[in-house]
């Protein structure tokens, strides 16, 4: 089985945030892109609270005001 990344190597695909995952190098970059991609999918699906929760897992500021915080 080959490992194929679903991420384009284009510079436009680089997430605007760096998530502290405990990994380094290529693994950290791929996980960072995956997390950001997941956040974008959640936002596009109208699941803003879930996207905020994912950001909070990595101690990033939320994208908008969360009434619970």
N, C-alpha and C. Protein backbone atom coordinates (compact mmCIF):
# COMPACT_ATOMS: atom_id res chain seq x y z
N UNK A 1 0.86 -1.16 0.00
CA UNK A 1 0.00 0.00 0.00
C UNK A 1 0.90 1.23 0.00
N UNK A 2 0.62 2.16 -0.88
CA UNK A 2 1.42 3.38 -0.93
C UNK A 2 0.77 4.48 -0.12
N UNK A 3 1.59 5.35 0.40
CA UNK A 3 1.09 6.49 1.14
C UNK A 3 0.95 7.66 0.18
N UNK A 4 -0.28 8.05 -0.09
CA UNK A 4 -0.53 9.16 -0.99
C UNK A 4 -1.24 10.24 -0.21
N UNK A 5 -0.70 11.42 -0.26
CA UNK A 5 -1.30 12.55 0.43
C UNK A 5 -2.44 13.11 -0.39
N UNK A 6 -3.52 13.49 0.27
CA UNK A 6 -4.64 14.11 -0.44
C UNK A 6 -4.46 15.62 -0.54
N UNK A 7 -3.31 16.12 -0.10
CA UNK A 7 -3.06 17.55 -0.12
C UNK A 7 -2.20 17.92 -1.31
N UNK A 8 -2.57 19.00 -1.94
CA UNK A 8 -1.78 19.54 -3.04
C UNK A 8 -0.54 20.19 -2.44
N UNK A 9 0.55 20.12 -3.13
CA UNK A 9 1.79 20.71 -2.64
C UNK A 9 1.86 22.20 -2.94
N UNK A 10 0.81 22.78 -3.49
CA UNK A 10 0.76 24.19 -3.83
C UNK A 10 0.87 25.04 -2.56
N UNK A 11 1.56 26.16 -2.66
CA UNK A 11 1.72 27.06 -1.50
C UNK A 11 0.38 27.59 -1.01
N UNK A 12 -0.61 27.66 -1.87
CA UNK A 12 -1.93 28.15 -1.47
C UNK A 12 -2.62 27.17 -0.51
N UNK A 13 -2.14 25.94 -0.44
CA UNK A 13 -2.73 24.94 0.43
C UNK A 13 -2.17 24.97 1.84
N UNK A 14 -1.23 25.85 2.11
CA UNK A 14 -0.62 25.92 3.43
C UNK A 14 -1.59 26.59 4.39
N UNK A 15 -1.92 25.93 5.50
CA UNK A 15 -2.86 26.50 6.46
C UNK A 15 -2.32 27.78 7.08
N UNK A 16 -3.21 28.71 7.43
CA UNK A 16 -2.77 29.96 8.04
C UNK A 16 -2.38 29.83 9.51
N UNK A 17 -2.66 28.69 10.12
CA UNK A 17 -2.34 28.47 11.52
C UNK A 17 -1.40 27.29 11.66
N UNK A 18 -0.57 27.33 12.69
CA UNK A 18 0.28 26.19 13.03
C UNK A 18 -0.29 25.57 14.30
N UNK A 19 -0.64 24.31 14.23
CA UNK A 19 -1.17 23.61 15.38
C UNK A 19 -0.04 22.87 16.08
N UNK A 20 0.01 22.99 17.39
CA UNK A 20 1.02 22.28 18.18
C UNK A 20 0.55 20.84 18.34
N UNK A 21 1.18 19.92 17.60
CA UNK A 21 0.76 18.53 17.62
C UNK A 21 1.77 17.60 18.28
N UNK A 22 2.95 18.11 18.59
CA UNK A 22 3.98 17.27 19.16
C UNK A 22 4.82 16.56 18.11
N UNK A 23 4.47 16.76 16.84
CA UNK A 23 5.23 16.17 15.75
C UNK A 23 6.16 17.21 15.15
N UNK A 24 7.12 16.73 14.36
CA UNK A 24 8.04 17.65 13.70
C UNK A 24 8.18 17.26 12.23
N UNK A 25 8.65 18.19 11.44
CA UNK A 25 8.96 17.91 10.05
C UNK A 25 7.74 17.67 9.18
N UNK A 26 7.90 16.74 8.26
CA UNK A 26 6.85 16.45 7.28
C UNK A 26 5.57 15.96 7.94
N UNK A 27 5.69 15.13 8.97
CA UNK A 27 4.51 14.63 9.66
C UNK A 27 3.70 15.77 10.27
N UNK A 28 4.38 16.73 10.88
CA UNK A 28 3.71 17.88 11.47
C UNK A 28 3.00 18.70 10.40
N UNK A 29 3.67 18.89 9.27
CA UNK A 29 3.07 19.67 8.18
C UNK A 29 1.81 18.99 7.64
N UNK A 30 1.88 17.67 7.43
CA UNK A 30 0.72 16.95 6.91
C UNK A 30 -0.44 16.96 7.90
N UNK A 31 -0.14 16.77 9.18
CA UNK A 31 -1.20 16.80 10.19
C UNK A 31 -1.79 18.19 10.29
N UNK A 32 -0.97 19.21 10.21
CA UNK A 32 -1.43 20.59 10.24
C UNK A 32 -2.42 20.85 9.09
N UNK A 33 -2.06 20.39 7.91
CA UNK A 33 -2.93 20.56 6.74
C UNK A 33 -4.23 19.78 6.91
N UNK A 34 -4.14 18.58 7.47
CA UNK A 34 -5.34 17.78 7.70
C UNK A 34 -6.29 18.48 8.66
N UNK A 35 -5.74 18.98 9.77
CA UNK A 35 -6.57 19.66 10.78
C UNK A 35 -7.25 20.88 10.16
N UNK A 36 -6.48 21.68 9.43
CA UNK A 36 -7.06 22.87 8.81
C UNK A 36 -8.12 22.49 7.79
N UNK A 37 -7.88 21.44 7.01
CA UNK A 37 -8.87 20.96 6.05
C UNK A 37 -10.15 20.52 6.74
N UNK A 38 -10.00 19.85 7.87
CA UNK A 38 -11.17 19.41 8.64
C UNK A 38 -11.96 20.61 9.15
N UNK A 39 -11.27 21.62 9.62
CA UNK A 39 -11.95 22.83 10.08
C UNK A 39 -12.73 23.46 8.94
N UNK A 40 -12.13 23.51 7.76
CA UNK A 40 -12.82 24.10 6.60
C UNK A 40 -14.05 23.30 6.22
N UNK A 41 -13.97 21.97 6.26
CA UNK A 41 -15.12 21.11 5.95
C UNK A 41 -16.24 21.38 6.96
N UNK A 42 -15.88 21.47 8.23
CA UNK A 42 -16.88 21.74 9.26
C UNK A 42 -17.56 23.09 9.02
N UNK A 43 -16.78 24.09 8.70
CA UNK A 43 -17.35 25.41 8.44
C UNK A 43 -18.27 25.40 7.23
N UNK A 44 -17.84 24.74 6.17
CA UNK A 44 -18.65 24.67 4.95
C UNK A 44 -19.94 23.88 5.18
N UNK A 45 -19.93 22.99 6.17
CA UNK A 45 -21.11 22.19 6.50
C UNK A 45 -22.02 22.88 7.51
N UNK A 46 -21.65 24.07 7.91
CA UNK A 46 -22.45 24.80 8.88
C UNK A 46 -22.24 24.34 10.31
N UNK A 47 -21.15 23.66 10.58
CA UNK A 47 -20.88 23.14 11.92
C UNK A 47 -19.83 24.01 12.60
N UNK A 48 -20.19 25.27 12.83
CA UNK A 48 -19.26 26.23 13.39
C UNK A 48 -18.81 25.87 14.80
N UNK A 49 -19.73 25.36 15.61
CA UNK A 49 -19.37 25.01 16.99
C UNK A 49 -18.34 23.88 17.02
N UNK A 50 -18.49 22.90 16.12
CA UNK A 50 -17.52 21.81 16.04
C UNK A 50 -16.15 22.33 15.59
N UNK A 51 -16.16 23.27 14.63
CA UNK A 51 -14.91 23.87 14.16
C UNK A 51 -14.23 24.62 15.30
N UNK A 52 -15.00 25.37 16.07
CA UNK A 52 -14.45 26.09 17.22
C UNK A 52 -13.87 25.10 18.24
N UNK A 53 -14.57 24.01 18.46
CA UNK A 53 -14.09 23.01 19.42
C UNK A 53 -12.75 22.43 18.98
N UNK A 54 -12.61 22.18 17.68
CA UNK A 54 -11.35 21.66 17.17
C UNK A 54 -10.22 22.67 17.35
N UNK A 55 -10.51 23.93 17.10
CA UNK A 55 -9.51 24.97 17.33
C UNK A 55 -9.10 25.03 18.80
N UNK A 56 -10.08 24.91 19.68
CA UNK A 56 -9.80 24.97 21.11
C UNK A 56 -8.93 23.79 21.55
N UNK A 57 -9.06 22.65 20.90
CA UNK A 57 -8.22 21.49 21.23
C UNK A 57 -6.74 21.81 21.08
N UNK A 58 -6.42 22.71 20.17
CA UNK A 58 -5.04 23.09 19.91
C UNK A 58 -4.72 24.48 20.43
N UNK A 59 -5.57 24.96 21.35
CA UNK A 59 -5.38 26.25 22.01
C UNK A 59 -5.23 27.40 21.03
N UNK A 60 -6.05 27.37 19.98
CA UNK A 60 -6.10 28.45 19.01
C UNK A 60 -7.34 29.30 19.31
N UNK A 61 -7.28 30.60 19.01
CA UNK A 61 -8.47 31.43 19.22
C UNK A 61 -9.60 30.98 18.30
N UNK A 62 -10.82 31.06 18.79
CA UNK A 62 -11.96 30.68 17.97
C UNK A 62 -12.13 31.66 16.83
N UNK A 63 -12.87 31.23 15.81
CA UNK A 63 -13.06 32.05 14.61
C UNK A 63 -14.14 33.11 14.80
N UNK A 64 -14.99 32.94 15.79
CA UNK A 64 -16.04 33.91 16.07
C UNK A 64 -16.41 33.75 17.54
N UNK A 65 -17.26 34.61 18.02
CA UNK A 65 -17.67 34.56 19.42
C UNK A 65 -18.50 33.33 19.71
N UNK A 66 -18.04 32.55 20.63
CA UNK A 66 -18.76 31.36 21.07
C UNK A 66 -19.54 31.74 22.32
N UNK A 67 -20.86 31.60 22.29
CA UNK A 67 -21.67 32.03 23.44
C UNK A 67 -21.35 31.27 24.73
N UNK A 68 -20.70 30.13 24.63
CA UNK A 68 -20.38 29.35 25.82
C UNK A 68 -19.10 29.80 26.50
N UNK A 69 -18.33 30.68 25.85
CA UNK A 69 -17.05 31.12 26.43
C UNK A 69 -17.06 32.59 26.67
